Structures are given as structure tokens and as C-alpha cells.
Amino acid sequence: MALYNTTTVAEFEEKVLKSKKTVLVDFWAEWCPPCRAMAPILHDVAEAMDKDVDIVKVNIEDGVDNAALAGEYEIRSIPNMHVFKGGKSVDQVVGMVPRPALEDILNKQIK
């Protein structure tokens, strides 16, 4: 399963920007109930789409680097997920999303 937590810009660059796979980045926080509700959905998607997609979780309150990343990607509300391909953000999902809808969004980027 390709589900990672990142706490530094260097980790983000390695796991997201330099990845050859499609990457879903989940910007979240501990205090956010919808973020916690998305966690099992993201876990299931990570298992189901392991060959094609990596999922990286960025806790926006876990260190200066993660807060800076949230600012760089203009995260104004959470949960907020960006889909990266070739090091660029190509799609964005804000709020809770059911698993089938999230898989559809990711499948469009895999093809």
C-alpha cells in the first residue's frame, strides 16, 4: 500500500513532485472531523489503486514545512486533496468525497 505521511518540504518533493506515479495529496488536520472520516476511504483507495497511485497525507498543523505547503497550494478549507501528475497539481477535490467518486477522479489521471 502506498500511503505516506510527510512532514518536510524535502519529503514532499521526493514523494510527490518527483514521483512517476499519479499522487493524491490529502491536506488535513487532527481536529477536522471530515478529515478523520476520509482516512479510511483514503486507506481503501491506497490499497485498491496501489500500482497506479500514491497517497501522501500532509497534516497542515504538523510543522512549519507543512504549513508552508498549505499556503503554497492555497489550502483554505480541509479536507482538501490535490491530484499531482508529473510534479504538477492537475485536479483538486475539496470536502468529503465517497470512494467511487475519488477513484473516478484518479482513474481519469492514470489514463
Protein backbone atom coordinates (compact mmCIF):
# COMPACT_ATOMS: atom_id res chain seq x y z
CA MET A 1 0.00 0.00 0.00
CA ALA A 2 1.35 3.40 -0.94
CA LEU A 3 0.09 5.72 1.80
CA TYR A 4 2.65 8.13 3.25
CA ASN A 5 2.75 10.94 5.78
CA THR A 6 5.08 13.83 5.06
CA THR A 7 6.43 16.47 7.42
CA THR A 8 9.09 18.27 5.38
CA VAL A 9 9.32 20.02 2.04
CA ALA A 10 12.10 17.58 1.08
CA GLU A 11 9.80 14.60 1.70
CA PHE A 12 7.03 16.30 -0.27
CA GLU A 13 9.35 16.92 -3.21
CA GLU A 14 10.57 13.31 -3.16
CA LYS A 15 7.18 11.59 -2.72
CA VAL A 16 5.02 13.99 -4.77
CA LEU A 17 6.86 16.26 -7.16
CA LYS A 18 9.42 13.67 -8.31
CA SER A 19 7.04 10.70 -8.41
CA LYS A 20 6.47 8.86 -11.66
CA LYS A 21 3.03 7.80 -10.42
CA THR A 22 -0.14 9.82 -10.00
CA VAL A 23 -0.18 11.16 -6.42
CA LEU A 24 -3.15 12.22 -4.33
CA VAL A 25 -2.12 14.69 -1.63
CA ASP A 26 -4.52 14.96 1.30
CA PHE A 27 -4.16 18.23 3.24
CA TRP A 28 -5.78 17.61 6.63
CA ALA A 29 -5.68 18.33 10.39
CA GLU A 30 -6.31 16.23 13.52
CA TRP A 31 -9.17 18.47 14.76
CA CYS A 32 -11.13 18.16 11.49
CA PRO A 33 -13.96 15.53 11.69
CA PRO A 34 -14.43 15.29 7.88
CA CYS A 35 -10.66 14.77 7.54
CA ARG A 36 -10.80 11.90 10.03
CA ALA A 37 -13.81 10.45 8.19
CA MET A 38 -11.83 10.50 4.92
CA ALA A 39 -8.94 8.50 6.45
CA PRO A 40 -10.46 5.00 5.95
CA ILE A 41 -11.58 5.95 2.43
CA LEU A 42 -8.05 7.05 1.56
CA HIS A 43 -6.67 3.84 3.09
CA ASP A 44 -9.01 1.73 0.94
CA VAL A 45 -8.18 3.71 -2.21
CA ALA A 46 -4.46 3.34 -1.48
CA GLU A 47 -4.86 -0.44 -1.27
CA ALA A 48 -7.09 -0.73 -4.34
CA MET A 49 -5.01 1.54 -6.59
CA ASP A 50 -1.56 0.71 -5.20
CA LYS A 51 0.06 0.06 -8.61
CA ASP A 52 -1.02 3.37 -10.11
CA VAL A 53 -1.48 5.88 -7.29
CA ASP A 54 0.42 7.00 -4.19
CA ILE A 55 -1.38 8.87 -1.43
CA VAL A 56 0.50 11.42 0.65
CA LYS A 57 -1.05 12.93 3.77
CA VAL A 58 0.04 16.43 4.82
CA ASN A 59 -1.09 17.47 8.29
CA ILE A 60 -1.23 21.24 7.82
CA GLU A 61 -0.53 21.83 11.52
CA ASP A 62 2.46 19.48 11.78
CA GLY A 63 5.45 21.77 11.45
CA VAL A 64 6.48 24.85 9.57
CA ASP A 65 7.09 22.98 6.30
CA ASN A 66 3.56 21.56 6.14
CA ALA A 67 2.04 24.95 6.93
CA ALA A 68 4.15 26.44 4.12
CA LEU A 69 2.95 23.73 1.71
CA ALA A 70 -0.66 24.50 2.65
CA GLY A 71 -0.01 28.15 1.85
CA GLU A 72 1.75 27.34 -1.42
CA TYR A 73 -1.21 25.26 -2.63
CA GLU A 74 -3.74 27.81 -1.31
CA ILE A 75 -5.44 25.45 1.13
CA ARG A 76 -8.32 27.46 2.60
CA SER A 77 -10.51 24.62 3.86
CA ILE A 78 -9.98 20.97 4.69
CA PRO A 79 -10.13 18.20 3.75
CA ASN A 80 -8.55 19.41 0.55
CA MET A 81 -6.95 17.00 -1.88
CA HIS A 82 -4.77 17.76 -4.87
CA VAL A 83 -4.01 15.25 -7.62
CA PHE A 84 -0.45 15.52 -8.91
CA LYS A 85 0.88 14.14 -12.15
CA GLY A 86 4.38 14.83 -13.43
CA GLY A 87 5.06 17.08 -10.46
CA LYS A 88 2.11 19.40 -11.17
CA SER A 89 -1.27 19.75 -9.48
CA VAL A 90 -3.79 18.71 -12.14
CA ASP A 91 -7.01 18.42 -10.12
CA GLN A 92 -8.42 19.38 -6.74
CA VAL A 93 -11.14 17.94 -4.52
CA VAL A 94 -12.46 19.93 -1.56
CA GLY A 95 -14.51 18.30 1.18
CA MET A 96 -15.65 14.75 1.79
CA VAL A 97 -15.92 12.53 -1.26
CA PRO A 98 -17.22 8.96 -1.49
CA ARG A 99 -14.72 6.33 -2.54
CA PRO A 100 -16.21 5.72 -6.04
CA ALA A 101 -16.05 9.43 -6.89
CA LEU A 102 -12.45 9.68 -5.67
CA GLU A 103 -11.45 6.61 -7.69
CA ASP A 104 -13.11 8.10 -10.80
CA ILE A 105 -11.11 11.32 -10.39
CA LEU A 106 -7.87 9.35 -10.03
CA ASN A 107 -8.66 6.99 -12.91
CA LYS A 108 -9.02 9.97 -15.26
CA GLN A 109 -5.43 10.97 -14.46
CA ILE A 110 -3.99 7.46 -14.78
CA LYS A 111 -5.08 7.04 -18.39
